[in-house]
Protein backbone atom coordinates (compact mmCIF):
# COMPACT_ATOMS: atom_id res chain seq x y z
CA MET A 1 11.15 -40.59 -17.32
CA LYS A 2 8.44 -40.24 -14.65
CA HIS A 3 7.51 -43.90 -14.92
CA GLN A 4 11.17 -44.92 -14.91
CA LEU A 5 11.74 -43.05 -11.65
CA LEU A 6 8.63 -44.65 -10.22
CA LEU A 7 9.88 -48.08 -11.24
CA ALA A 8 13.26 -47.40 -9.64
CA PHE A 9 11.56 -46.43 -6.40
CA THR A 10 9.40 -49.55 -6.42
CA CYS A 11 12.56 -51.63 -6.80
CA LEU A 12 13.90 -49.93 -3.66
CA VAL A 13 10.69 -50.70 -1.81
CA ILE A 14 10.75 -54.39 -2.77
CA GLY A 15 14.31 -54.56 -1.46
CA VAL A 16 13.16 -53.20 1.86
CA SER A 17 10.20 -55.55 1.90
CA ALA A 18 12.56 -58.54 1.87
CA LEU A 19 13.59 -57.56 5.39
CA TYR A 20 10.01 -57.94 6.57
CA SER A 21 8.99 -61.04 4.61
CA GLN A 22 7.37 -63.79 6.69
CA ASP A 23 4.66 -66.41 6.56
CA THR A 24 1.31 -64.65 6.16
CA MET A 25 -0.86 -67.71 5.69
CA ASN A 26 -2.73 -67.11 8.94
CA LYS A 27 -3.04 -63.34 8.58
CA ALA A 28 -6.26 -61.59 7.60
CA VAL A 29 -6.27 -59.88 4.23
CA MET A 30 -7.17 -56.19 4.25
CA LYS A 31 -9.67 -55.47 1.48
CA ILE A 32 -9.48 -51.82 0.46
CA SER A 33 -10.96 -49.51 -2.12
CA LEU A 34 -9.04 -46.48 -3.33
CA GLU A 35 -10.98 -44.19 -1.00
CA GLN A 36 -10.29 -46.49 1.94
CA ALA A 37 -6.59 -46.52 1.03
CA LYS A 38 -6.60 -42.71 1.08
CA GLU A 39 -8.41 -42.58 4.40
CA TYR A 40 -5.89 -44.96 5.93
CA ALA A 41 -3.01 -42.93 4.51
CA TYR A 42 -4.39 -39.68 5.99
CA LYS A 43 -3.85 -41.14 9.46
CA ASN A 44 -0.73 -43.23 8.94
CA ASN A 45 1.43 -41.72 6.20
CA TYR A 46 4.72 -40.55 7.71
CA ASP A 47 4.87 -37.16 5.97
CA VAL A 48 1.25 -36.35 6.78
CA ILE A 49 1.79 -37.20 10.44
CA ASN A 50 4.72 -34.77 10.57
CA ALA A 51 2.64 -32.10 8.82
CA MET A 52 0.03 -32.50 11.57
CA LYS A 53 2.81 -32.11 14.15
CA ASP A 54 3.80 -28.83 12.49
CA ILE A 55 0.25 -27.54 12.95
CA GLU A 56 0.36 -28.47 16.64
CA ILE A 57 3.70 -26.65 17.00
CA ALA A 58 2.25 -23.56 15.33
CA ARG A 59 -0.70 -23.55 17.74
CA LYS A 60 1.62 -23.87 20.73
CA GLN A 61 3.68 -20.97 19.38
CA MET A 62 0.52 -18.87 19.17
CA THR A 63 -0.25 -19.70 22.80
CA GLU A 64 3.30 -18.71 23.72
CA ALA A 65 3.05 -15.40 21.85
CA THR A 66 -0.32 -14.60 23.43
CA ALA A 67 1.00 -15.32 26.91
CA THR A 68 3.65 -12.60 26.66
CA GLY A 69 0.90 -9.95 26.79
CA LEU A 70 -0.88 -11.47 29.78
CA PRO A 71 0.03 -10.91 33.47
CA GLN A 72 3.41 -12.30 34.40
CA VAL A 73 3.79 -13.30 38.05
CA SER A 74 7.10 -14.14 39.68
CA ALA A 75 8.29 -14.69 43.22
CA SER A 76 11.67 -14.88 44.86
CA VAL A 77 13.25 -15.80 48.18
CA ALA A 78 16.66 -14.40 49.09
CA TYR A 79 18.76 -15.25 52.13
CA ASN A 80 22.10 -13.65 53.02
CA ASN A 81 24.44 -14.75 55.78
CA PHE A 82 26.98 -12.02 56.41
CA LEU A 83 29.93 -13.97 57.72
CA SER A 84 31.58 -10.62 58.21
CA ILE A 85 29.26 -7.64 58.57
CA PRO A 86 30.33 -4.72 56.33
CA THR A 87 32.06 -1.79 58.02
CA GLN A 88 31.18 1.85 57.29
CA LEU A 89 33.33 4.87 58.15
CA ILE A 90 31.46 7.67 59.90
CA PRO A 91 32.98 11.19 60.15
CA GLY A 92 34.45 11.69 63.63
CA GLU A 93 32.72 15.03 64.26
CA PHE A 94 29.40 13.13 64.61
CA PHE A 95 30.87 11.60 67.77
CA GLY A 96 32.67 14.75 69.05
CA GLU A 97 36.01 13.79 67.55
CA GLU A 98 38.30 16.06 65.61
CA PRO A 99 37.22 16.92 62.06
CA GLY A 100 38.86 14.79 59.40
CA THR A 101 38.83 11.66 61.48
CA PHE A 102 36.56 8.62 60.89
CA ILE A 103 35.01 6.12 63.22
CA PRO A 104 34.55 2.53 61.88
CA VAL A 105 31.03 1.29 62.50
CA LYS A 106 29.34 -2.02 61.55
CA PHE A 107 25.72 -1.74 60.38
CA GLY A 108 23.23 -4.57 59.87
CA THR A 109 22.65 -8.07 61.08
CA GLN A 110 24.24 -11.38 60.21
CA HIS A 111 21.11 -13.12 58.90
CA ASN A 112 18.87 -11.39 56.36
CA MET A 113 15.94 -12.82 54.37
CA THR A 114 13.66 -11.22 51.76
CA LEU A 115 10.42 -12.61 50.32
CA SER A 116 9.08 -10.79 47.25
CA GLY A 117 6.50 -11.15 44.51
CA THR A 118 6.08 -9.16 41.30
CA VAL A 119 3.24 -8.84 38.79
CA ASN A 120 4.03 -7.38 35.36
CA GLN A 121 1.34 -6.48 32.83
CA LEU A 122 1.94 -5.33 29.28
CA ILE A 123 -0.35 -2.37 28.58
CA PHE A 124 0.62 -1.45 25.03
CA SER A 125 3.07 -2.81 22.48
CA GLY A 126 2.63 -2.48 18.75
CA GLU A 127 5.09 -5.31 18.21
CA TYR A 128 2.96 -7.59 20.40
CA ILE A 129 -0.18 -6.85 18.39
CA VAL A 130 1.58 -7.64 15.12
CA ALA A 131 3.08 -10.80 16.63
CA LEU A 132 -0.41 -12.09 17.39
CA GLN A 133 -1.47 -11.45 13.80
CA ALA A 134 1.66 -13.22 12.55
CA THR A 135 1.03 -16.34 14.65
CA LYS A 136 -2.44 -16.68 13.12
CA ALA A 137 -0.94 -16.36 9.65
CA PHE A 138 1.71 -18.93 10.59
CA ILE A 139 -0.97 -21.40 11.68
CA ASN A 140 -2.69 -20.83 8.35
CA MET A 141 0.63 -21.51 6.59
CA SER A 142 1.00 -24.79 8.51
CA ASN A 143 -2.53 -25.77 7.52
CA LYS A 144 -1.75 -25.03 3.86
CA GLN A 145 1.43 -27.10 4.05
CA TYR A 146 -0.61 -29.94 5.52
CA GLU A 147 -3.20 -29.57 2.74
CA LYS A 148 -0.42 -29.68 0.13
CA GLN A 149 0.97 -32.83 1.72
CA VAL A 150 -2.49 -34.44 1.61
CA ILE A 151 -2.94 -33.51 -2.07
CA GLU A 152 0.45 -35.01 -2.91
CA LEU A 153 -0.42 -38.09 -0.86
CA GLU A 154 -3.73 -38.59 -2.66
CA LYS A 155 -1.93 -38.48 -6.00
CA ASN A 156 0.76 -40.94 -4.88
CA VAL A 157 -1.72 -43.38 -3.34
CA SER A 158 -3.93 -43.24 -6.42
CA GLU A 159 -1.03 -43.83 -8.78
CA SER A 160 0.25 -46.73 -6.66
CA TYR A 161 -3.28 -48.18 -6.55
CA TYR A 162 -3.46 -47.99 -10.36
CA LEU A 163 -0.12 -49.78 -10.68
CA VAL A 164 -1.38 -52.67 -8.58
CA LEU A 165 -4.55 -52.95 -10.66
CA ILE A 166 -2.56 -52.91 -13.88
CA ALA A 167 -0.21 -55.60 -12.57
CA GLU A 168 -3.24 -57.70 -11.59
CA ARG A 169 -4.75 -57.17 -15.04
CA ASN A 170 -1.50 -58.27 -16.69
CA LEU A 171 -1.37 -61.31 -14.46
CA LYS A 172 -4.92 -62.32 -15.33
CA ILE A 173 -4.32 -61.90 -19.06
CA VAL A 174 -1.13 -63.91 -19.04
CA GLU A 175 -2.67 -66.68 -16.93
CA GLU A 176 -5.65 -66.92 -19.29
CA THR A 177 -3.33 -66.91 -22.30
CA LEU A 178 -1.15 -69.57 -20.69
CA GLN A 179 -4.17 -71.79 -20.17
CA SER A 180 -5.32 -71.25 -23.76
CA LEU A 181 -1.88 -71.99 -25.21
CA THR A 182 -1.62 -75.13 -23.07
CA GLU A 183 -4.85 -76.35 -24.62
CA ILE A 184 -3.52 -75.55 -28.09
CA ARG A 185 -0.26 -77.32 -27.33
CA ASP A 186 -2.13 -80.46 -26.20
CA ALA A 187 -4.29 -80.31 -29.35
CA ASN A 188 -1.18 -79.98 -31.54
CA ALA A 189 0.41 -82.92 -29.78
CA VAL A 190 -2.61 -85.06 -30.69
CA LEU A 191 -2.53 -83.83 -34.29
CA PHE A 192 1.21 -84.55 -34.45
CA GLU A 193 0.71 -88.10 -33.19
CA ASN A 194 -1.85 -88.61 -35.93
CA GLY A 195 0.41 -87.09 -38.56
CA PHE A 196 -1.63 -83.95 -39.27
CA VAL A 197 1.05 -81.44 -38.17
CA GLU A 198 4.81 -81.38 -38.01
CA ASP A 199 6.82 -81.52 -34.80
CA LEU A 200 7.84 -77.91 -35.54
CA ASP A 201 4.33 -76.74 -34.67
CA VAL A 202 4.48 -78.53 -31.33
CA ASP A 203 7.96 -77.14 -30.59
CA GLN A 204 6.83 -73.65 -31.54
CA THR A 205 3.94 -73.85 -29.13
CA ASP A 206 6.25 -75.15 -26.39
CA LEU A 207 8.52 -72.15 -26.99
CA LEU A 208 5.55 -69.81 -26.60
CA LEU A 209 4.60 -71.52 -23.34
CA THR A 210 8.16 -71.23 -22.00
CA ASP A 211 8.31 -67.50 -22.77
CA LEU A 212 4.90 -66.98 -21.24
CA GLN A 213 5.85 -68.78 -18.04
CA ALA A 214 8.89 -66.49 -17.67
CA THR A 215 6.65 -63.48 -18.29
CA LEU A 216 4.29 -64.75 -15.61
CA ILE A 217 7.12 -64.87 -13.06
CA ASN A 218 8.06 -61.25 -13.82
CA ILE A 219 4.47 -60.05 -13.60
CA ARG A 220 3.94 -61.71 -10.22
CA ASN A 221 7.11 -60.04 -8.95
CA ASN A 222 5.93 -56.67 -10.32
CA LEU A 223 2.62 -57.16 -8.56
CA ASP A 224 4.41 -57.68 -5.23
CA VAL A 225 6.51 -54.58 -5.88
CA SER A 226 3.45 -52.48 -6.68
CA LYS A 227 1.61 -53.66 -3.57
CA ASN A 228 4.60 -52.86 -1.38
CA LEU A 229 4.79 -49.37 -2.87
CA LEU A 230 1.09 -48.84 -2.12
CA LYS A 231 1.61 -50.04 1.46
CA PHE A 232 4.52 -47.63 1.85
CA GLN A 233 2.42 -44.69 0.62
CA MET A 234 -0.37 -45.66 3.01
CA GLY A 235 1.94 -46.06 5.99
CA LEU A 236 0.96 -49.73 6.23
CA LYS A 237 3.43 -52.33 7.48
CA LEU A 238 4.84 -54.36 4.60
CA GLU A 239 4.01 -57.69 6.21
CA ASN A 240 0.26 -56.94 5.99
CA GLU A 241 -1.66 -58.46 3.09
CA ILE A 242 -3.98 -56.29 1.00
CA GLU A 243 -6.59 -56.97 -1.64
CA LEU A 244 -7.90 -54.23 -3.90
CA THR A 245 -11.66 -54.04 -4.37
CA ASP A 246 -11.86 -51.41 -7.14
CA ASN A 247 -11.09 -52.02 -10.80
CA LEU A 248 -9.65 -49.91 -13.58
CA ASP A 249 -12.90 -49.64 -15.50
CA VAL A 250 -14.49 -47.79 -12.56
CA PHE A 251 -11.83 -45.06 -12.69
CA LEU A 252 -11.94 -44.83 -16.46
CA ASP A 253 -15.73 -44.43 -16.37
CA GLN A 254 -15.34 -41.59 -13.86
CA ILE A 255 -13.21 -39.49 -16.18
CA GLU A 256 -15.25 -36.53 -17.40
CA ARG A 257 -13.17 -35.46 -20.34
CA ASP A 258 -15.18 -32.41 -21.35
CA VAL A 259 -15.35 -31.08 -17.78
CA LEU A 260 -11.60 -31.34 -17.30
CA VAL A 261 -10.78 -29.81 -20.66
CA GLU A 262 -13.27 -26.95 -20.57
CA THR A 263 -12.81 -25.90 -16.93
CA GLU A 264 -11.11 -22.51 -16.59
CA PHE A 265 -7.93 -22.49 -14.55
CA ASN A 266 -8.15 -20.44 -11.33
CA TYR A 267 -4.89 -19.59 -9.54
CA ASN A 268 -6.69 -19.34 -6.20
CA ASN A 269 -7.58 -23.05 -6.38
CA ASN A 270 -3.92 -24.04 -6.62
CA ILE A 271 -2.32 -24.94 -3.29
CA ASP A 272 1.13 -23.59 -4.23
CA TYR A 273 -0.41 -20.24 -5.11
CA GLN A 274 -2.32 -20.21 -1.81
CA ILE A 275 0.94 -20.86 0.05
CA LEU A 276 2.62 -17.99 -1.80
CA LEU A 277 -0.22 -15.64 -0.82
CA ASN A 278 0.29 -16.72 2.78
CA GLN A 279 4.01 -16.02 2.51
CA GLN A 280 3.24 -12.54 1.20
CA GLU A 281 0.96 -11.95 4.18
CA LEU A 282 3.69 -13.03 6.58
CA ALA A 283 6.20 -10.74 4.84
CA HIS A 284 3.76 -7.82 5.17
CA LEU A 285 3.30 -8.54 8.88
CA ASN A 286 7.06 -8.76 9.30
CA MET A 287 7.43 -5.23 7.91
CA LYS A 288 4.62 -4.04 10.24
CA ARG A 289 6.51 -5.58 13.15
CA PHE A 290 9.65 -3.62 12.35
CA ASN A 291 7.62 -0.43 11.90
CA SER A 292 5.95 -1.00 15.27
CA GLN A 293 9.38 -0.83 16.94
CA TYR A 294 9.22 2.96 16.49
CA LEU A 295 6.28 3.05 18.94
CA PRO A 296 6.70 3.28 22.72
CA ARG A 297 6.15 0.26 24.91
CA LEU A 298 4.03 0.65 28.06
CA TYR A 299 3.66 -1.77 30.94
CA GLY A 300 2.75 -1.68 34.62
CA TYR A 301 4.08 -3.59 37.58
CA LEU A 302 3.25 -4.30 41.20
CA THR A 303 5.88 -5.51 43.66
CA TYR A 304 5.39 -6.59 47.26
CA SER A 305 8.17 -7.74 49.54
CA GLU A 306 8.86 -8.61 53.17
CA ASN A 307 12.26 -8.73 54.76
CA ALA A 308 13.68 -9.73 58.09
CA GLN A 309 17.03 -9.03 59.71
CA ARG A 310 18.30 -11.24 62.49
CA ASN A 311 21.43 -11.87 64.43
CA GLU A 312 20.18 -15.43 64.89
CA TRP A 313 18.56 -17.75 62.31
CA ASN A 314 14.99 -17.69 63.61
CA PHE A 315 12.98 -16.78 60.52
CA LEU A 316 10.37 -19.46 61.22
CA GLU A 317 9.42 -18.09 64.62
CA SER A 318 6.09 -16.30 64.44
CA ASN A 319 6.83 -13.76 67.16
CA GLN A 320 9.63 -12.14 65.18
CA ASP A 321 9.09 -9.02 63.08
CA TRP A 322 8.99 -8.84 59.30
CA TYR A 323 9.03 -5.52 57.46
CA ASN A 324 7.10 -5.11 54.24
CA SER A 325 7.20 -2.77 51.29
CA SER A 326 5.17 -2.49 48.08
CA ILE A 327 5.51 -0.62 44.79
CA LEU A 328 2.92 0.11 42.12
CA GLY A 329 4.41 1.59 38.98
CA VAL A 330 4.06 2.26 35.28
CA GLN A 331 6.95 2.32 32.86
CA MET A 332 7.16 3.51 29.27
CA ASP A 333 10.10 2.60 27.09
CA ILE A 334 10.51 5.15 24.30
CA PRO A 335 12.76 4.24 21.37
CA ILE A 336 14.69 7.29 20.23
CA PHE A 337 17.73 6.43 18.16
CA GLN A 338 19.38 3.17 17.05
CA SER A 339 21.79 4.51 14.44
CA GLY A 340 19.54 3.41 11.55
CA ALA A 341 19.14 -0.23 12.65
CA ARG A 342 15.33 -0.08 12.67
CA SER A 343 15.22 1.70 9.32
CA SER A 344 17.49 -0.97 7.84
CA ARG A 345 15.23 -3.77 9.11
CA VAL A 346 12.16 -2.09 7.60
CA SER A 347 13.95 -1.69 4.27
CA GLN A 348 14.97 -5.36 4.25
CA ALA A 349 11.38 -6.41 4.95
CA LYS A 350 10.13 -4.19 2.12
CA ILE A 351 12.62 -5.73 -0.32
CA GLN A 352 11.52 -9.19 0.79
CA MET A 353 7.93 -8.26 -0.04
CA GLU A 354 9.04 -7.08 -3.48
CA LYS A 355 10.82 -10.41 -4.02
CA LEU A 356 7.64 -12.29 -3.16
CA ASP A 357 5.72 -10.15 -5.67
CA VAL A 358 8.22 -11.21 -8.34
CA MET A 359 7.84 -14.83 -7.21
CA GLY A 360 4.07 -14.42 -7.59
CA ASP A 361 4.47 -13.31 -11.20
CA LYS A 362 6.82 -16.22 -11.82
CA LEU A 363 4.46 -18.74 -10.21
CA ARG A 364 1.43 -17.51 -12.18
CA SER A 365 3.39 -17.78 -15.42
CA GLY A 366 4.63 -21.26 -14.49
CA LEU A 367 1.14 -22.42 -13.54
CA ASP A 368 -0.23 -21.21 -16.87
CA ILE A 369 2.42 -23.25 -18.69
CA GLN A 370 1.81 -26.29 -16.49
CA TYR A 371 -1.93 -26.13 -16.97
CA ALA A 372 -1.59 -25.83 -20.75
CA THR A 373 0.89 -28.73 -20.78
CA TYR A 374 -1.15 -31.03 -18.52
CA ARG A 375 -4.34 -30.17 -20.39
CA ASN A 376 -2.76 -31.04 -23.75
CA ASN A 377 -1.21 -34.18 -22.28
CA PHE A 378 -4.62 -35.24 -21.01
CA ILE A 379 -6.28 -34.62 -24.39
CA ASN A 380 -3.53 -36.55 -26.19
CA SER A 381 -3.66 -39.36 -23.63
CA TRP A 382 -7.40 -39.63 -24.15
CA LYS A 383 -7.00 -39.91 -27.91
CA VAL A 384 -4.17 -42.44 -27.60
CA TYR A 385 -6.19 -44.48 -25.11
CA LYS A 386 -9.17 -44.68 -27.46
CA ASN A 387 -6.88 -45.62 -30.33
CA LYS A 388 -5.15 -48.36 -28.35
CA GLU A 389 -8.51 -49.64 -27.12
CA GLN A 390 -9.64 -50.14 -30.70
CA ALA A 391 -6.30 -51.71 -31.68
CA LEU A 392 -6.56 -54.18 -28.79
CA GLN A 393 -10.03 -55.25 -29.86
CA LEU A 394 -8.77 -55.92 -33.40
CA SER A 395 -5.64 -57.80 -32.31
CA ASP A 396 -7.69 -59.89 -29.88
CA LYS A 397 -10.09 -60.74 -32.65
CA ILE A 398 -7.25 -61.76 -34.97
CA TYR A 399 -5.53 -63.78 -32.27
CA ASN A 400 -8.69 -65.72 -31.36
CA ARG A 401 -9.36 -66.50 -35.04
CA THR A 402 -5.83 -67.79 -35.43
CA LYS A 403 -6.18 -70.00 -32.34
CA THR A 404 -9.31 -71.53 -33.84
CA LYS A 405 -7.52 -72.15 -37.13
CA VAL A 406 -4.58 -73.79 -35.36
CA ILE A 407 -6.91 -76.11 -33.48
CA GLU A 408 -8.64 -76.93 -36.74
CA GLY A 409 -5.27 -77.57 -38.35
CA VAL A 410 -5.63 -74.92 -41.07
CA SER A 411 -3.05 -72.50 -39.64
CA SER A 412 0.52 -72.90 -38.39
CA SER A 413 1.90 -72.25 -34.94
CA ILE A 414 4.28 -69.72 -36.47
CA GLU A 415 1.34 -67.59 -37.52
CA LEU A 416 -0.12 -68.11 -34.05
CA GLN A 417 3.10 -66.82 -32.48
CA GLN A 418 3.12 -63.77 -34.70
CA ASN A 419 -0.48 -62.97 -33.86
CA TYR A 420 0.11 -63.74 -30.23
CA ASN A 421 3.06 -61.29 -30.10
CA GLN A 422 0.90 -58.75 -31.86
CA TYR A 423 -1.85 -59.26 -29.31
CA LEU A 424 0.52 -58.96 -26.33
CA ASN A 425 2.03 -55.80 -27.80
CA SER A 426 -1.45 -54.32 -28.26
CA GLU A 427 -2.36 -55.29 -24.72
CA ARG A 428 0.84 -53.74 -23.37
CA GLU A 429 0.32 -50.51 -25.31
CA TYR A 430 -3.32 -50.37 -24.22
CA ILE A 431 -2.40 -50.76 -20.55
CA MET A 432 0.32 -48.12 -20.83
CA ALA A 433 -2.16 -45.77 -22.53
CA MET A 434 -4.63 -46.47 -19.73
CA LEU A 435 -2.02 -45.71 -17.06
CA GLU A 436 -0.91 -42.55 -18.88
CA LEU A 437 -4.50 -41.33 -19.08
CA LEU A 438 -5.12 -41.92 -15.38
CA VAL A 439 -1.81 -40.30 -14.37
CA THR A 440 -2.32 -37.21 -16.54
CA LYS A 441 -5.76 -36.84 -14.98
CA LEU A 442 -4.15 -36.98 -11.53
CA GLU A 443 -1.66 -34.30 -12.57
CA LEU A 444 -4.44 -32.07 -13.87
CA ASP A 445 -6.53 -32.61 -10.72
CA LYS A 446 -3.57 -31.81 -8.49
CA LEU A 447 -2.84 -28.57 -10.34
CA THR A 448 -6.40 -27.29 -10.15
CA ARG A 449 -6.98 -27.76 -6.40
């Protein structure tokens, strides 16, 4: 099913590539090894680029959170034009009038301006301290998410690289077989003209050649599809040409079966488990934040202002008076009662921590099952690969013997076709066993890092 999904995706990619197809005769070919393909993908893969953006956002959020505890400076300018100056009623006895009477009086000036500046400094806040700890944990979470994206990318690039190599191997085999069968067909034609074989042998060989030519067309198309998938994983434009420099034998030789099988599984090496631990840390800090809301909040402030009152707009004249005032103060906000709101938030955070503990148990159990499954799959793939390798050697030997007999005229083309089909089937099964071995190794590597 995994390979079927992969094939379906490659078909989608080849459809997209048709939109970008153009003449590439004059374009340089990019020669890449698997490691070079990974390095290129680290910088150009779309998902990895976004993961890096998330890290940058997390760092900016930490800067923002830190800034809330540093001095905050603000300034303001206020101008009021009293089109109608407010009237105040003054008791009449102040002016020698009868008690109970009021005299209307206008106080103030028409033009008023105030310049002020304020400095606020947070002195203590438990919530602020926890927020700083949480931002660091959030950055760590972003880094882990980026690391997970890179691990997934390495697996996808490697698998796509293998698919290209396998398609190239198929192409080489079929081209060599086509050349060999063409030589046999020409030899049979000579034998037929001299009466040593029947026309059936020639026709049978022609049929083999026709089938092989159709197979060759499909393999070349699959090779294009596989290359386009690799380009997509790398973040490389589809119109670029690539040439792979590694070969399958190198990767097969690098497989250390005993090391992979005998290595003990460590949860702490698994990226998903590391992310869960980070989530638990964030949940713990979230509960600390709600608990810190029971603590008082202390901050100081300094305010300085100057104001001027005029009956004419002459605030820019230097010989006019301005009146200043300044305040230095400290304020403590003491939380007393919120009708159980804080207690409810703490309880919710505690329950969330308990949920993450359950998720930890679930993840550990799932990882144990995955490791056992991938380990067994790898062992079985290794055995199947060795079996198919031996079967291919035998079928190749039989096929080559039959070709020699056909050329010598002591065997029929029908037998050649049977042995040829047997050889192609062995080759196909060997390649699939090779791919399965490499993919199961990738799965095992991904799980244990």
